[in-house]
Every structure is written in C-alpha cells, then in structure tokens.
C-alpha atoms as a PDB file:
ATOM      1  CA  LYS A   1     112.668  85.663  87.168  1.00  0.00           C
ATOM      2  CA  LEU A   2     111.081  88.240  89.461  1.00  0.00           C
ATOM      3  CA  LEU A   3     111.148  87.587  93.191  1.00  0.00           C
ATOM      4  CA  LYS A   4     107.730  87.259  94.813  1.00  0.00           C
ATOM      5  CA  TYR A   5     106.966  89.032  98.085  1.00  0.00           C
ATOM      6  CA  SER A   6     103.694  87.895  99.641  1.00  0.00           C
ATOM      7  CA  VAL A   7     101.993  90.590 101.703  1.00  0.00           C
ATOM      8  CA  THR A   8     101.104  87.947 104.289  1.00  0.00           C
ATOM      9  CA  ASP A   9     104.820  87.414 104.967  1.00  0.00           C
ATOM     10  CA  TYR A  10     104.900  91.046 106.119  1.00  0.00           C
ATOM     11  CA  GLY A  11     101.961  90.651 108.477  1.00  0.00           C
ATOM     12  CA  ALA A  12      98.949  91.381 106.240  1.00  0.00           C
ATOM     13  CA  VAL A  13      95.887  89.361 107.249  1.00  0.00           C
ATOM     14  CA  GLY A  14      93.360  89.967 104.483  1.00  0.00           C
ATOM     15  CA  ASP A  15      90.350  89.248 106.678  1.00  0.00           C
ATOM     16  CA  GLY A  16      88.392  92.369 105.718  1.00  0.00           C
ATOM     17  CA  VAL A  17      88.718  93.763 109.243  1.00  0.00           C
ATOM     18  CA  THR A  18      92.391  94.165 110.193  1.00  0.00           C
ATOM     19  CA  ASP A  19      94.160  97.284 108.907  1.00  0.00           C
ATOM     20  CA  ASP A  20      96.878  95.917 106.604  1.00  0.00           C
ATOM     21  CA  THR A  21      98.280  99.297 105.493  1.00  0.00           C
ATOM     22  CA  THR A  22     101.655  99.101 107.234  1.00  0.00           C
ATOM     23  CA  ALA A  23     102.275  95.473 106.288  1.00  0.00           C
ATOM     24  CA  ILE A  24     101.537  96.066 102.597  1.00  0.00           C
ATOM     25  CA  ASN A  25     103.555  99.277 102.411  1.00  0.00           C
ATOM     26  CA  ASN A  26     106.496  97.400 103.964  1.00  0.00           C
ATOM     27  CA  ALA A  27     106.150  94.690 101.308  1.00  0.00           C
ATOM     28  CA  ILE A  28     106.081  97.346  98.568  1.00  0.00           C
ATOM     29  CA  THR A  29     109.263  98.953  99.921  1.00  0.00           C
ATOM     30  CA  SER A  30     111.047  95.577  99.977  1.00  0.00           C
ATOM     31  CA  ALA A  31     109.942  94.464  96.531  1.00  0.00           C
ATOM     32  CA  ALA A  32     111.863  96.793  94.199  1.00  0.00           C
ATOM     33  CA  GLY A  33     112.220  94.838  90.969  1.00  0.00           C
ATOM     34  CA  GLY A  34     109.873  92.109  92.215  1.00  0.00           C
ATOM     35  CA  ILE A  35     106.277  90.995  92.678  1.00  0.00           C
ATOM     36  CA  VAL A  36     104.084  92.033  95.608  1.00  0.00           C
ATOM     37  CA  PHE A  37     101.608  89.152  95.785  1.00  0.00           C
ATOM     38  CA  PHE A  38      98.152  89.350  97.356  1.00  0.00           C
ATOM     39  CA  PRO A  39      96.741  85.901  98.185  1.00  0.00           C
ATOM     40  CA  PRO A  40      92.927  85.683  98.117  1.00  0.00           C
ATOM     41  CA  GLY A  41      91.403  87.962 100.751  1.00  0.00           C
ATOM     42  CA  THR A  42      90.165  91.487 101.462  1.00  0.00           C
ATOM     43  CA  TYR A  43      93.006  93.782 102.500  1.00  0.00           C
ATOM     44  CA  VAL A  44      91.808  96.813 104.447  1.00  0.00           C
ATOM     45  CA  VAL A  45      94.010  99.908 104.040  1.00  0.00           C
ATOM     46  CA  SER A  46      93.951 103.669 104.520  1.00  0.00           C
ATOM     47  CA  VAL A  47      96.334 104.549 101.656  1.00  0.00           C
ATOM     48  CA  LEU A  48      99.049 102.564  99.867  1.00  0.00           C
ATOM     49  CA  THR A  49     102.073 104.403  98.489  1.00  0.00           C
ATOM     50  CA  CYS A  50     103.678 102.780  95.439  1.00  0.00           C
ATOM     51  CA  GLY A  51     106.941 104.673  95.036  1.00  0.00           C
ATOM     52  CA  THR A  52     109.147 101.646  94.383  1.00  0.00           C
ATOM     53  CA  SER A  53     110.553 101.270  90.860  1.00  0.00           C
ATOM     54  CA  ASN A  54     109.887  98.188  88.715  1.00  0.00           C
ATOM     55  CA  LEU A  55     107.040  96.932  90.858  1.00  0.00           C
ATOM     56  CA  HIS A  56     104.453  94.264  90.003  1.00  0.00           C
ATOM     57  CA  MET A  57     101.383  94.324  92.282  1.00  0.00           C
ATOM     58  CA  MET A  58      99.706  90.972  91.587  1.00  0.00           C
ATOM     59  CA  GLY A  59      96.563  89.411  92.997  1.00  0.00           C
ATOM     60  CA  ALA A  60      94.970  85.990  92.587  1.00  0.00           C
ATOM     61  CA  GLY A  61      92.251  87.534  90.413  1.00  0.00           C
ATOM     62  CA  SER A  62      90.048  90.603  90.747  1.00  0.00           C
ATOM     63  CA  GLY A  63      87.310  88.523  92.371  1.00  0.00           C
ATOM     64  CA  ALA A  64      89.685  87.033  94.911  1.00  0.00           C
ATOM     65  CA  SER A  65      92.259  89.664  95.921  1.00  0.00           C
ATOM     66  CA  ILE A  66      90.645  92.900  97.090  1.00  0.00           C
ATOM     67  CA  ILE A  67      92.232  96.142  98.320  1.00  0.00           C
ATOM     68  CA  SER A  68      89.612  98.131 100.243  1.00  0.00           C
ATOM     69  CA  GLY A  69      90.069 101.660 101.572  1.00  0.00           C
ATOM     70  CA  ASN A  70      88.552 102.080 105.029  1.00  0.00           C
ATOM     71  CA  SER A  71      89.436 105.657 105.985  1.00  0.00           C
ATOM     72  CA  ALA A  72      87.840 108.530 104.086  1.00  0.00           C
ATOM     73  CA  GLY A  73      90.577 110.393 102.237  1.00  0.00           C
ATOM     74  CA  THR A  74      92.043 111.530  98.947  1.00  0.00           C
ATOM     75  CA  ARG A  75      93.097 108.183  97.443  1.00  0.00           C
ATOM     76  CA  VAL A  76      93.363 104.460  98.173  1.00  0.00           C
ATOM     77  CA  ILE A  77      96.544 104.003  96.111  1.00  0.00           C
ATOM     78  CA  ASN A  78      99.095 106.722  95.373  1.00  0.00           C
ATOM     79  CA  ILE A  79     101.563 105.878  92.586  1.00  0.00           C
ATOM     80  CA  THR A  80     104.776 107.898  92.492  1.00  0.00           C
ATOM     81  CA  ASP A  81     108.393 107.697  91.188  1.00  0.00           C
ATOM     82  CA  ASN A  82     109.048 109.741  88.057  1.00  0.00           C
ATOM     83  CA  THR A  83     111.756 107.653  86.362  1.00  0.00           C
ATOM     84  CA  SER A  84     111.425 107.292  82.597  1.00  0.00           C
ATOM     85  CA  ASN A  85     113.037 103.833  82.328  1.00  0.00           C
ATOM     86  CA  LYS A  86     111.129 102.285  85.251  1.00  0.00           C
ATOM     87  CA  TRP A  87     107.710 100.629  85.358  1.00  0.00           C
ATOM     88  CA  LYS A  88     104.829  99.466  87.551  1.00  0.00           C
ATOM     89  CA  LYS A  89     102.177  96.840  86.838  1.00  0.00           C
ATOM     90  CA  PHE A  90      98.912  96.090  88.662  1.00  0.00           C
ATOM     91  CA  GLU A  91      97.276  92.774  87.825  1.00  0.00           C
ATOM     92  CA  GLY A  92      94.411  90.649  89.097  1.00  0.00           C
ATOM     93  CA  LEU A  93      93.273  93.056  91.818  1.00  0.00           C
ATOM     94  CA  ARG A  94      90.003  94.651  92.850  1.00  0.00           C
ATOM     95  CA  ILE A  95      90.348  98.173  94.258  1.00  0.00           C
ATOM     96  CA  THR A  96      87.395  99.546  96.196  1.00  0.00           C
ATOM     97  CA  SER A  97      86.507 101.329  99.446  1.00  0.00           C
ATOM     98  CA  SER A  98      84.035 101.074 102.298  1.00  0.00           C
ATOM     99  CA  ALA A  99      84.592 104.771 103.127  1.00  0.00           C
ATOM    100  CA  THR A 100      84.295 107.808 100.854  1.00  0.00           C
ATOM    101  CA  TYR A 101      87.414 108.614  98.815  1.00  0.00           C
ATOM    102  CA  THR A 102      88.061 111.341  96.259  1.00  0.00           C
ATOM    103  CA  LYS A 103      90.013 108.910  94.056  1.00  0.00           C
ATOM    104  CA  LEU A 104      90.743 105.203  94.040  1.00  0.00           C
ATOM    105  CA  VAL A 105      94.101 105.536  92.269  1.00  0.00           C
ATOM    106  CA  ASP A 106      96.199 108.696  92.003  1.00  0.00           C
ATOM    107  CA  ILE A 107      98.901 108.509  89.307  1.00  0.00           C
ATOM    108  CA  GLU A 108     101.272 111.221  90.465  1.00  0.00           C
ATOM    109  CA  GLU A 109     104.606 111.911  88.732  1.00  0.00           C
ATOM    110  CA  THR A 110     105.199 108.421  87.411  1.00  0.00           C
ATOM    111  CA  GLN A 111     105.659 106.659  84.084  1.00  0.00           C
ATOM    112  CA  ASN A 112     105.084 103.318  82.345  1.00  0.00           C
ATOM    113  CA  ILE A 113     102.114 102.101  84.383  1.00  0.00           C
ATOM    114  CA  SER A 114      99.895  99.200  83.336  1.00  0.00           C
ATOM    115  CA  PHE A 115      96.670  97.826  84.812  1.00  0.00           C
ATOM    116  CA  VAL A 116      95.647  94.351  83.618  1.00  0.00           C
ATOM    117  CA  ASP A 117      92.563  92.385  84.696  1.00  0.00           C
ATOM    118  CA  CYS A 118      91.777  94.864  87.473  1.00  0.00           C
ATOM    119  CA  ASP A 119      88.383  95.870  88.872  1.00  0.00           C
ATOM    120  CA  PHE A 120      87.893  99.465  90.053  1.00  0.00           C
ATOM    121  CA  ASP A 121      84.759  99.723  92.191  1.00  0.00           C
ATOM    122  CA  GLY A 122      83.954 103.379  92.763  1.00  0.00           C
ATOM    123  CA  THR A 123      80.636 102.930  94.551  1.00  0.00           C
ATOM    124  CA  ASN A 124      81.969 105.138  97.379  1.00  0.00           C
ATOM    125  CA  CYS A 125      84.182 107.378  95.246  1.00  0.00           C
ATOM    126  CA  ASN A 126      83.021 110.979  94.827  1.00  0.00           C
ATOM    127  CA  GLY A 127      85.794 112.025  92.444  1.00  0.00           C
ATOM    128  CA  SER A 128      87.688 110.051  89.772  1.00  0.00           C
ATOM    129  CA  LEU A 129      88.347 106.321  89.915  1.00  0.00           C
ATOM    130  CA  ILE A 130      91.691 106.914  88.195  1.00  0.00           C
ATOM    131  CA  GLN A 131      93.251 110.353  88.036  1.00  0.00           C
ATOM    132  CA  ARG A 132      96.420 111.697  86.554  1.00  0.00           C
ATOM    133  CA  PRO A 133      96.687 115.084  88.307  1.00  0.00           C
ATOM    134  CA  ASP A 134      98.094 118.219  86.740  1.00  0.00           C
ATOM    135  CA  VAL A 135     101.713 117.736  87.772  1.00  0.00           C
ATOM    136  CA  ASP A 136     104.690 117.038  85.535  1.00  0.00           C
ATOM    137  CA  GLY A 137     106.133 113.658  84.684  1.00  0.00           C
ATOM    138  CA  GLN A 138     103.411 111.075  84.008  1.00  0.00           C
ATOM    139  CA  SER A 139     103.348 109.228  80.699  1.00  0.00           C
ATOM    140  CA  ASN A 140     102.523 105.854  79.131  1.00  0.00           C
ATOM    141  CA  ILE A 141      99.585 104.593  81.195  1.00  0.00           C
ATOM    142  CA  PHE A 142      97.832 101.438  79.961  1.00  0.00           C
ATOM    143  CA  PHE A 143      94.552  99.696  80.861  1.00  0.00           C
ATOM    144  CA  ASP A 144      93.718  96.242  79.498  1.00  0.00           C
ATOM    145  CA  ARG A 145      90.760  93.975  80.396  1.00  0.00           C
ATOM    146  CA  CYS A 146      89.738  96.154  83.341  1.00  0.00           C
ATOM    147  CA  LYS A 147      86.301  96.846  84.806  1.00  0.00           C
ATOM    148  CA  PHE A 148      85.222 100.270  86.072  1.00  0.00           C
ATOM    149  CA  THR A 149      82.138 100.780  88.259  1.00  0.00           C
ATOM    150  CA  ALA A 150      81.090 104.385  88.830  1.00  0.00           C
ATOM    151  CA  GLY A 151      79.065 105.317  91.888  1.00  0.00           C
ATOM    152  CA  GLU A 152      76.275 107.868  91.846  1.00  0.00           C
ATOM    153  CA  SER A 153      78.657 110.622  93.050  1.00  0.00           C
ATOM    154  CA  THR A 154      81.634 109.622  90.872  1.00  0.00           C
ATOM    155  CA  SER A 155      82.676 112.457  88.551  1.00  0.00           C
ATOM    156  CA  ARG A 156      84.889 110.448  86.152  1.00  0.00           C
ATOM    157  CA  CYS A 157      86.078 106.887  85.654  1.00  0.00           C
ATOM    158  CA  ILE A 158      89.382 107.822  83.994  1.00  0.00           C
ATOM    159  CA  ASP A 159      90.488 111.420  84.377  1.00  0.00           C
ATOM    160  CA  ASN A 160      93.518 112.781  82.550  1.00  0.00           C
ATOM    161  CA  ASN A 161      93.773 116.177  84.241  1.00  0.00           C
ATOM    162  CA  SER A 162      97.043 117.143  82.607  1.00  0.00           C
ATOM    163  CA  ASP A 163      98.396 119.831  80.334  1.00  0.00           C
ATOM    164  CA  ASP A 164     101.542 117.869  79.405  1.00  0.00           C
ATOM    165  CA  ALA A 165     101.656 116.827  75.762  1.00  0.00           C
ATOM    166  CA  GLU A 166     104.030 113.934  76.461  1.00  0.00           C
ATOM    167  CA  SER A 167     101.493 111.885  78.429  1.00  0.00           C
ATOM    168  CA  TYR A 168      99.567 108.985  76.860  1.00  0.00           C
ATOM    169  CA  PHE A 169      96.703 106.807  78.103  1.00  0.00           C
ATOM    170  CA  SER A 170      95.773 103.568  76.337  1.00  0.00           C
ATOM    171  CA  VAL A 171      92.445 101.854  77.129  1.00  0.00           C
ATOM    172  CA  LYS A 172      91.474  98.555  75.486  1.00  0.00           C
ATOM    173  CA  ASN A 173      89.132  95.640  76.198  1.00  0.00           C
ATOM    174  CA  CYS A 174      87.702  97.444  79.237  1.00  0.00           C
ATOM    175  CA  TYR A 175      84.172  97.431  80.656  1.00  0.00           C
ATOM    176  CA  PHE A 176      82.417 100.426  82.198  1.00  0.00           C
ATOM    177  CA  THR A 177      79.264 100.364  84.291  1.00  0.00           C
ATOM    178  CA  ALA A 178      77.484 102.918  86.475  1.00  0.00           C
ATOM    179  CA  THR A 179      74.507 103.410  88.741  1.00  0.00           C
ATOM    180  CA  THR A 180      71.188 104.474  87.245  1.00  0.00           C
ATOM    181  CA  ASN A 181      71.617 108.082  88.364  1.00  0.00           C
ATOM    182  CA  TYR A 182      75.224 108.471  87.224  1.00  0.00           C
ATOM    183  CA  ALA A 183      75.730 111.864  85.567  1.00  0.00           C
ATOM    184  CA  GLY A 184      79.529 111.976  85.369  1.00  0.00           C
ATOM    185  CA  ILE A 185      82.022 111.377  82.559  1.00  0.00           C
ATOM    186  CA  VAL A 186      83.305 107.904  81.697  1.00  0.00           C
ATOM    187  CA  ILE A 187      86.647 108.907  80.146  1.00  0.00           C
ATOM    188  CA  ASP A 188      87.929 112.481  80.211  1.00  0.00           C
ATOM    189  CA  PRO A 189      91.064 112.392  78.045  1.00  0.00           C
ATOM    190  CA  PHE A 190      91.283 116.062  77.157  1.00  0.00           C
ATOM    191  CA  ARG A 191      90.522 117.982  80.320  1.00  0.00           C
ATOM    192  CA  LYS A 192      93.649 119.913  79.331  1.00  0.00           C
ATOM    193  CA  ARG A 193      95.051 118.600  76.014  1.00  0.00           C
ATOM    194  CA  THR A 194      96.768 115.232  76.420  1.00  0.00           C
ATOM    195  CA  PRO A 195      96.066 112.403  73.922  1.00  0.00           C
ATOM    196  CA  LEU A 196      94.197 109.204  74.799  1.00  0.00           C
ATOM    197  CA  TRP A 197      94.454 106.117  72.601  1.00  0.00           C
ATOM    198  CA  VAL A 198      91.468 103.764  72.722  1.00  0.00           C
END
C-alpha cells in the first residue's frame, strides 16, 4: 500500500490566494514511492518540480483539486527523472493558470508517465498544454479520460517535439475543446518523427 502525503500537512493552504509552491514541492520530495494528495481546493504555485521517482500526484477530482500557476513563466509543472524502471502518475487534478505560461506541463527527460481524469485548462497558455521537448530520455506517456481546453493563443494541446524513435504517447477517451478563434494544432505527434498511439 502506498503511503499518502497530504500537501496540507506540509503547509499548503489551497485557498486560491496563498502561494503553496514550497509546501507542495516539499511534499513531492518526501513522497518517493507514495501518493501526494491534494484535498479539495485551489493551490496557487509558480512552478512545481516532479523529480521524485514512483510518484502518484492525486487530487479529489479535477473539479475539486486545482493547481493554478500564478507567475508568468515557462511551465506550471516540470516532470523530470530519466529512470526507465520508474513511474509517475497524475490523477484527479485540474491544471491551469491565472498568469501567462508557455506550457502547463513540461515532460523533460522522464519515462512511464500517466495522466488519468485530469483537466488541462490552457486559457492563459500561449504555447503547448503538454510538451515533450527535444531532449533525450522520455518514453511511454499515457493520457486517459482527460480534458484539454486550448486558449486563443495556445499553439498545441499535446506536443511531441522529439526526434527520438523510442518515445511513445498514448491518448484515449480524451476530450478536446478550444475557443472560437483557436488556430493551433490539437495533437502534434510527428513534429520530428516519434509515434503516437490513439
């Protein structure tokens, strides 16, 4: 049984005002092999770094547990740790921002990532909601029962910007929506040459 680490035990407030970045990052660091749990609330952050192996980021549902970026930057969540036999799972969370970000989630040099029942709100995202950048080491990335909302300036919902043939994206049972003036790409699986399984 995985141990559960509630972000509120590390000082996160989830009131939509207080900056909970440090508290949540401390919970992530402590929770190797366990669950980082987000009780219902809106957790304001600048950027969260998920470099811990075997990590389960779990909310109380995408309508209840919200991670909101509040400081314009490159990404709200940065996922790292390139270890082939390790994993990370994100479940029951809404990821959004009140400030302008280039990406909501940056999947950088990591493997075996799954997103289940998550809501990615890119209303204020002017790049990709999810991006796998062109660096070595990412593979096996799965999306199931997720919702993607593209803002008017969003370039892509899911962006596989890689030239590594060993990387795989799987997208199933997902819902995509966009503003009336959206002119971007919903899924860009072959910006270089990597397969996407839908």
